[in-house]
Amino acid sequence: QVQLVESGGGLVQAGGSLRLSCAASGSTFRINDMAWYRQAPMKQRELVASISRGGSTNYADSVKGRFTISRDNAKNTVYLQMNSLKPEDTAVYSCNAYALDWSMAERQYWGQGTQVTVSS
């Protein structure tokens, strides 16, 4: 079982920056892919960025060039550096991870989410 806890959200003005962190804890064999999703009111949850255990990254077109995902495997933590924030980035940002349990079954885990609000 893996628990994901996000931090770093808050209120920021347009053009500002925030760095989100997501720390994974609990019993697991290995954490594989990790990602950040976001969901704005009345909108579907969307994938913002993902990162493999080896560090390969993917980004939504809407955040490409502004956001950077990274991870520290030793700390089981994934980060999302968000620069040049826009009001459209306002959403609840949730951490996602796929982890192998001790039977080698891969399970998906979600954090509770952290609110990011960008004012114009």
C-alpha atoms as a PDB file:
ATOM      1  CA  GLN A   1       0.000   0.000   0.000  1.00  0.00           C
ATOM      2  CA  VAL A   2       1.268   3.422  -1.010  1.00  0.00           C
ATOM      3  CA  GLN A   3       0.190   6.789   0.284  1.00  0.00           C
ATOM      4  CA  LEU A   4       0.765   9.914  -1.767  1.00  0.00           C
ATOM      5  CA  VAL A   5       0.757  13.311  -0.118  1.00  0.00           C
ATOM      6  CA  GLU A   6       0.927  16.483  -2.174  1.00  0.00           C
ATOM      7  CA  SER A   7       2.132  19.842  -0.987  1.00  0.00           C
ATOM      8  CA  GLY A   8       3.076  23.205  -2.393  1.00  0.00           C
ATOM      9  CA  GLY A   9      -0.203  24.431  -3.768  1.00  0.00           C
ATOM     10  CA  GLY A  10      -1.521  27.863  -3.074  1.00  0.00           C
ATOM     11  CA  LEU A  11      -2.573  31.176  -4.487  1.00  0.00           C
ATOM     12  CA  VAL A  12      -0.314  32.913  -6.946  1.00  0.00           C
ATOM     13  CA  GLN A  13      -0.662  35.752  -9.403  1.00  0.00           C
ATOM     14  CA  ALA A  14      -0.526  35.171 -13.119  1.00  0.00           C
ATOM     15  CA  GLY A  15       3.050  34.905 -14.256  1.00  0.00           C
ATOM     16  CA  GLY A  16       4.191  33.529 -10.947  1.00  0.00           C
ATOM     17  CA  SER A  17       5.597  30.164 -10.013  1.00  0.00           C
ATOM     18  CA  LEU A  18       4.853  27.304  -7.682  1.00  0.00           C
ATOM     19  CA  ARG A  19       6.535  24.011  -7.005  1.00  0.00           C
ATOM     20  CA  LEU A  20       4.412  21.050  -6.087  1.00  0.00           C
ATOM     21  CA  SER A  21       5.780  18.048  -4.269  1.00  0.00           C
ATOM     22  CA  CYS A  22       4.345  14.592  -3.861  1.00  0.00           C
ATOM     23  CA  ALA A  23       5.902  12.217  -1.391  1.00  0.00           C
ATOM     24  CA  ALA A  24       5.134   8.527  -1.545  1.00  0.00           C
ATOM     25  CA  SER A  25       5.272   6.364   1.530  1.00  0.00           C
ATOM     26  CA  GLY A  26       4.179   2.947   2.638  1.00  0.00           C
ATOM     27  CA  SER A  27       5.031  -0.592   1.766  1.00  0.00           C
ATOM     28  CA  THR A  28       5.761  -1.277  -1.870  1.00  0.00           C
ATOM     29  CA  PHE A  29       8.376  -3.035  -3.903  1.00  0.00           C
ATOM     30  CA  ARG A  30       9.008  -0.230  -6.335  1.00  0.00           C
ATOM     31  CA  ILE A  31       7.345   2.894  -7.599  1.00  0.00           C
ATOM     32  CA  ASN A  32       7.301   3.057 -11.367  1.00  0.00           C
ATOM     33  CA  ASP A  33       5.692   5.862 -13.366  1.00  0.00           C
ATOM     34  CA  MET A  34       4.551   8.976 -11.565  1.00  0.00           C
ATOM     35  CA  ALA A  35       2.437  11.793 -12.869  1.00  0.00           C
ATOM     36  CA  TRP A  36       0.585  14.968 -12.090  1.00  0.00           C
ATOM     37  CA  TYR A  37      -3.029  15.392 -13.060  1.00  0.00           C
ATOM     38  CA  ARG A  38      -5.290  18.357 -12.619  1.00  0.00           C
ATOM     39  CA  GLN A  39      -8.982  18.937 -12.542  1.00  0.00           C
ATOM     40  CA  ALA A  40     -10.654  22.297 -12.802  1.00  0.00           C
ATOM     41  CA  PRO A  41     -14.296  22.850 -11.881  1.00  0.00           C
ATOM     42  CA  MET A  42     -16.673  21.520 -14.516  1.00  0.00           C
ATOM     43  CA  LYS A  43     -13.816  19.980 -16.450  1.00  0.00           C
ATOM     44  CA  GLN A  44     -12.409  16.528 -16.881  1.00  0.00           C
ATOM     45  CA  ARG A  45      -9.295  15.452 -15.105  1.00  0.00           C
ATOM     46  CA  GLU A  46      -6.346  15.827 -17.424  1.00  0.00           C
ATOM     47  CA  LEU A  47      -2.816  14.555 -17.424  1.00  0.00           C
ATOM     48  CA  VAL A  48      -0.397  17.416 -16.909  1.00  0.00           C
ATOM     49  CA  ALA A  49       2.927  15.636 -16.899  1.00  0.00           C
ATOM     50  CA  SER A  50       4.337  12.197 -16.328  1.00  0.00           C
ATOM     51  CA  ILE A  51       7.737  10.785 -15.598  1.00  0.00           C
ATOM     52  CA  SER A  52       9.055   7.262 -15.727  1.00  0.00           C
ATOM     53  CA  ARG A  53      11.297   5.792 -13.098  1.00  0.00           C
ATOM     54  CA  GLY A  54      14.188   6.352 -15.474  1.00  0.00           C
ATOM     55  CA  GLY A  55      13.311   9.997 -15.939  1.00  0.00           C
ATOM     56  CA  SER A  56      11.545  10.075 -19.300  1.00  0.00           C
ATOM     57  CA  THR A  57       8.964  12.843 -19.304  1.00  0.00           C
ATOM     58  CA  ASN A  58       5.805  13.779 -21.139  1.00  0.00           C
ATOM     59  CA  TYR A  59       3.783  16.972 -20.934  1.00  0.00           C
ATOM     60  CA  ALA A  60       0.407  18.190 -21.933  1.00  0.00           C
ATOM     61  CA  ASP A  61       0.655  20.678 -24.763  1.00  0.00           C
ATOM     62  CA  SER A  62      -0.928  23.337 -22.587  1.00  0.00           C
ATOM     63  CA  VAL A  63       1.945  23.283 -20.098  1.00  0.00           C
ATOM     64  CA  LYS A  64       4.867  22.425 -22.324  1.00  0.00           C
ATOM     65  CA  GLY A  65       7.673  24.891 -21.857  1.00  0.00           C
ATOM     66  CA  ARG A  66       6.238  26.200 -18.598  1.00  0.00           C
ATOM     67  CA  PHE A  67       6.091  23.176 -16.311  1.00  0.00           C
ATOM     68  CA  THR A  68       8.827  20.728 -15.426  1.00  0.00           C
ATOM     69  CA  ILE A  69       8.290  17.369 -13.787  1.00  0.00           C
ATOM     70  CA  SER A  70      11.112  15.680 -11.930  1.00  0.00           C
ATOM     71  CA  ARG A  71      11.579  12.976  -9.355  1.00  0.00           C
ATOM     72  CA  ASP A  72      13.922  11.819  -6.676  1.00  0.00           C
ATOM     73  CA  ASN A  73      13.736   8.056  -6.483  1.00  0.00           C
ATOM     74  CA  ALA A  74      15.715   7.929  -3.268  1.00  0.00           C
ATOM     75  CA  LYS A  75      13.044  10.073  -1.630  1.00  0.00           C
ATOM     76  CA  ASN A  76      10.126   8.558  -3.545  1.00  0.00           C
ATOM     77  CA  THR A  77       9.092  12.073  -4.401  1.00  0.00           C
ATOM     78  CA  VAL A  78       7.891  13.678  -7.593  1.00  0.00           C
ATOM     79  CA  TYR A  79       7.890  17.408  -8.211  1.00  0.00           C
ATOM     80  CA  LEU A  80       6.142  19.762 -10.550  1.00  0.00           C
ATOM     81  CA  GLN A  81       7.786  23.107 -11.107  1.00  0.00           C
ATOM     82  CA  MET A  82       5.205  25.459 -12.548  1.00  0.00           C
ATOM     83  CA  ASN A  83       6.369  28.703 -14.090  1.00  0.00           C
ATOM     84  CA  SER A  84       4.561  31.434 -15.990  1.00  0.00           C
ATOM     85  CA  LEU A  85       1.314  30.383 -14.412  1.00  0.00           C
ATOM     86  CA  LYS A  86      -1.924  31.359 -16.070  1.00  0.00           C
ATOM     87  CA  PRO A  87      -5.442  31.593 -14.665  1.00  0.00           C
ATOM     88  CA  GLU A  88      -6.290  28.587 -16.828  1.00  0.00           C
ATOM     89  CA  ASP A  89      -3.902  26.550 -14.687  1.00  0.00           C
ATOM     90  CA  THR A  90      -6.219  26.908 -11.714  1.00  0.00           C
ATOM     91  CA  ALA A  91      -7.199  23.419 -10.621  1.00  0.00           C
ATOM     92  CA  VAL A  92      -6.753  20.750  -8.038  1.00  0.00           C
ATOM     93  CA  TYR A  93      -3.486  19.037  -8.822  1.00  0.00           C
ATOM     94  CA  SER A  94      -3.224  15.384  -7.897  1.00  0.00           C
ATOM     95  CA  CYS A  95      -0.264  13.096  -7.763  1.00  0.00           C
ATOM     96  CA  ASN A  96      -0.516   9.693  -9.370  1.00  0.00           C
ATOM     97  CA  ALA A  97       1.808   6.736  -9.160  1.00  0.00           C
ATOM     98  CA  TYR A  98       2.010   3.177 -10.335  1.00  0.00           C
ATOM     99  CA  ALA A  99       3.713   0.895  -7.889  1.00  0.00           C
ATOM    100  CA  LEU A 100       4.649  -2.752  -7.821  1.00  0.00           C
ATOM    101  CA  ASP A 101       3.558  -4.522  -4.701  1.00  0.00           C
ATOM    102  CA  TRP A 102       5.402  -7.468  -3.291  1.00  0.00           C
ATOM    103  CA  SER A 103       3.495  -9.886  -5.497  1.00  0.00           C
ATOM    104  CA  MET A 104       4.627  -7.850  -8.515  1.00  0.00           C
ATOM    105  CA  ALA A 105       1.144  -6.584  -9.197  1.00  0.00           C
ATOM    106  CA  GLU A 106       1.116  -3.010 -10.415  1.00  0.00           C
ATOM    107  CA  ARG A 107      -1.398  -0.793  -8.684  1.00  0.00           C
ATOM    108  CA  GLN A 108      -2.373   2.794  -9.242  1.00  0.00           C
ATOM    109  CA  TYR A 109      -2.436   5.278  -6.381  1.00  0.00           C
ATOM    110  CA  TRP A 110      -3.753   8.806  -6.057  1.00  0.00           C
ATOM    111  CA  GLY A 111      -3.048  11.608  -3.674  1.00  0.00           C
ATOM    112  CA  GLN A 112      -5.798  13.776  -2.252  1.00  0.00           C
ATOM    113  CA  GLY A 113      -4.772  16.750  -4.333  1.00  0.00           C
ATOM    114  CA  THR A 114      -3.572  20.256  -3.686  1.00  0.00           C
ATOM    115  CA  GLN A 115      -5.316  23.410  -4.828  1.00  0.00           C
ATOM    116  CA  VAL A 116      -3.535  25.757  -7.189  1.00  0.00           C
ATOM    117  CA  THR A 117      -5.239  29.067  -7.795  1.00  0.00           C
ATOM    118  CA  VAL A 118      -3.836  31.575 -10.256  1.00  0.00           C
ATOM    119  CA  SER A 119      -5.301  35.043 -10.116  1.00  0.00           C
ATOM    120  CA  SER A 120      -5.373  37.387 -13.077  1.00  0.00           C
END
